[in-house]
């Protein structure tokens, strides 16, 4: 979560209100979320370079991509694409046959173009909830 907070602080936080930044920090420090992760209920994958974590992605509530962050030095080098593709394959292997075979994401303003590049489509206009600005998007598996 330290990587998520670091990237958020640099790229996302300037676009958010104090409330949005606080809510993001609360989410990434949540003890309940951590316990769910430890018990296997919050799948997370990470990318490493030379033993250093350079990217992270997580899904929750079935096929919802809830985190995707890449270290600044490794952005635009395929790390985010690899993480989304990995989660896509993971979801195909664990969530097919449920009748709702799509990956969803609440894309930040900084991430919308990346998700469009990955094939996601907006399902609604930009939203604001609890200070967090996002565009709901989906990708059919």
Protein backbone atom coordinates (compact mmCIF):
# COMPACT_ATOMS: atom_id res chain seq x y z
CA UNK A 1 0.00 0.00 0.00
CA UNK A 2 3.00 2.29 0.46
CA UNK A 3 3.56 2.24 -3.31
CA UNK A 4 -0.12 3.07 -3.91
CA UNK A 5 0.01 5.99 -1.50
CA UNK A 6 3.25 7.31 -2.98
CA UNK A 7 1.97 7.27 -6.58
CA UNK A 8 -1.40 8.67 -5.49
CA UNK A 9 0.29 11.53 -3.66
CA UNK A 10 2.30 12.52 -6.72
CA UNK A 11 -0.24 12.09 -9.51
CA UNK A 12 -3.77 11.97 -8.10
CA UNK A 13 -3.83 13.95 -4.87
CA UNK A 14 -3.40 17.35 -6.58
CA UNK A 15 -6.72 16.69 -8.39
CA UNK A 16 -8.63 15.78 -5.23
CA UNK A 17 -10.08 17.71 -2.34
CA UNK A 18 -8.78 17.16 1.16
CA UNK A 19 -11.75 14.84 1.73
CA UNK A 20 -10.86 12.70 -1.28
CA UNK A 21 -7.21 12.40 -0.28
CA UNK A 22 -8.19 11.48 3.29
CA UNK A 23 -10.64 8.83 2.08
CA UNK A 24 -8.02 7.31 -0.19
CA UNK A 25 -5.53 7.15 2.67
CA UNK A 26 -8.14 5.60 4.96
CA UNK A 27 -8.87 2.92 2.34
CA UNK A 28 -5.21 2.00 1.92
CA UNK A 29 -4.65 1.82 5.70
CA UNK A 30 -7.85 -0.05 6.53
CA UNK A 31 -7.29 -2.91 9.00
CA UNK A 32 -10.41 -4.77 7.85
CA UNK A 33 -9.19 -4.69 4.25
CA UNK A 34 -5.83 -6.01 5.42
CA UNK A 35 -7.48 -8.93 7.26
CA UNK A 36 -9.57 -9.72 4.15
CA UNK A 37 -6.34 -9.72 2.10
CA UNK A 38 -4.58 -12.05 4.57
CA UNK A 39 -7.54 -14.45 4.35
CA UNK A 40 -7.43 -14.49 0.53
CA UNK A 41 -10.50 -12.33 -0.07
CA UNK A 42 -8.70 -9.41 -1.70
CA UNK A 43 -6.48 -10.71 -4.51
CA UNK A 44 -3.42 -8.54 -5.12
CA UNK A 45 -0.66 -8.95 -7.68
CA UNK A 46 2.57 -7.02 -7.87
CA UNK A 47 5.30 -6.39 -10.41
CA UNK A 48 8.94 -6.39 -9.32
CA UNK A 49 12.18 -5.19 -10.87
CA UNK A 50 15.40 -6.26 -9.22
CA UNK A 51 13.60 -7.13 -6.00
CA UNK A 52 11.83 -3.77 -5.85
CA UNK A 53 8.05 -3.53 -6.11
CA UNK A 54 7.24 -1.28 -9.08
CA UNK A 55 3.53 -1.89 -9.57
CA UNK A 56 0.47 -3.29 -7.84
CA UNK A 57 -3.08 -4.24 -8.82
CA UNK A 58 -5.97 -5.61 -6.75
CA UNK A 59 -9.53 -6.78 -7.32
CA UNK A 60 -12.42 -6.82 -4.89
CA UNK A 61 -16.14 -7.56 -4.85
CA UNK A 62 -15.70 -10.09 -7.60
CA UNK A 63 -14.30 -8.61 -10.79
CA UNK A 64 -13.74 -4.99 -9.73
CA UNK A 65 -10.24 -3.60 -10.23
CA UNK A 66 -9.89 -1.50 -7.10
CA UNK A 67 -6.19 -0.59 -7.24
CA UNK A 68 -3.68 -0.11 -10.04
CA UNK A 69 -0.54 1.86 -9.34
CA UNK A 70 2.86 1.90 -11.05
CA UNK A 71 6.02 3.57 -9.78
CA UNK A 72 6.75 6.79 -11.69
CA UNK A 73 10.05 5.48 -13.07
CA UNK A 74 8.26 2.50 -14.66
CA UNK A 75 5.17 4.17 -16.09
CA UNK A 76 4.60 3.89 -19.85
CA UNK A 77 6.80 0.79 -19.98
CA UNK A 78 4.10 -1.87 -20.02
CA UNK A 79 3.89 -2.54 -16.28
CA UNK A 80 0.30 -1.34 -15.91
CA UNK A 81 -0.71 -3.23 -19.04
CA UNK A 82 0.89 -6.41 -17.69
CA UNK A 83 -0.87 -6.02 -14.33
CA UNK A 84 -4.29 -5.46 -15.91
CA UNK A 85 -3.73 -8.41 -18.27
CA UNK A 86 -2.74 -10.61 -15.34
CA UNK A 87 -5.86 -9.63 -13.41
CA UNK A 88 -7.92 -10.17 -16.56
CA UNK A 89 -6.61 -13.74 -16.82
CA UNK A 90 -7.11 -14.28 -13.09
CA UNK A 91 -10.73 -13.16 -13.34
CA UNK A 92 -11.33 -15.37 -16.37
CA UNK A 93 -10.05 -18.36 -14.41
CA UNK A 94 -12.11 -17.62 -11.29
CA UNK A 95 -15.25 -15.71 -12.33
CA UNK A 96 -16.41 -17.20 -15.63
CA UNK A 97 -19.89 -18.63 -15.79
CA UNK A 98 -21.28 -16.15 -13.30
CA UNK A 99 -23.33 -14.32 -15.93
CA UNK A 100 -21.53 -11.07 -15.28
CA UNK A 101 -18.21 -11.62 -16.96
CA UNK A 102 -16.70 -8.18 -17.03
CA UNK A 103 -14.01 -6.34 -15.13
CA UNK A 104 -15.06 -2.97 -13.76
CA UNK A 105 -12.99 -0.04 -12.55
CA UNK A 106 -13.65 3.40 -11.15
CA UNK A 107 -11.00 5.18 -13.20
CA UNK A 108 -9.33 8.25 -11.78
CA UNK A 109 -9.06 11.28 -14.07
CA UNK A 110 -5.38 10.42 -14.62
CA UNK A 111 -6.20 6.80 -15.50
CA UNK A 112 -9.14 7.17 -17.90
CA UNK A 113 -7.04 7.26 -21.08
CA UNK A 114 -5.00 4.25 -19.98
CA UNK A 115 -8.16 2.24 -19.36
CA UNK A 116 -9.58 3.28 -22.74
CA UNK A 117 -6.32 2.06 -24.31
CA UNK A 118 -6.84 -1.27 -22.51
CA UNK A 119 -10.33 -1.58 -24.03
CA UNK A 120 -12.46 -0.38 -21.13
CA UNK A 121 -15.59 1.61 -21.95
CA UNK A 122 -17.14 4.30 -19.76
CA UNK A 123 -20.51 3.24 -18.38
CA UNK A 124 -21.43 6.66 -17.00
CA UNK A 125 -20.12 10.20 -16.76
CA UNK A 126 -17.47 11.28 -14.26
CA UNK A 127 -18.66 10.90 -10.66
CA UNK A 128 -17.75 12.47 -7.33
CA UNK A 129 -18.27 10.48 -4.13
CA UNK A 130 -16.71 11.22 -0.75
CA UNK A 131 -14.24 13.55 -2.46
CA UNK A 132 -13.10 10.84 -4.91
CA UNK A 133 -13.41 11.71 -8.62
CA UNK A 134 -13.81 8.74 -10.97
CA UNK A 135 -15.35 7.48 -14.18
CA UNK A 136 -17.04 4.06 -13.96
CA UNK A 137 -15.75 1.80 -16.73
CA UNK A 138 -15.98 -1.84 -17.74
CA UNK A 139 -14.20 -4.40 -19.88
CA UNK A 140 -16.00 -7.54 -20.98
CA UNK A 141 -13.97 -10.64 -20.22
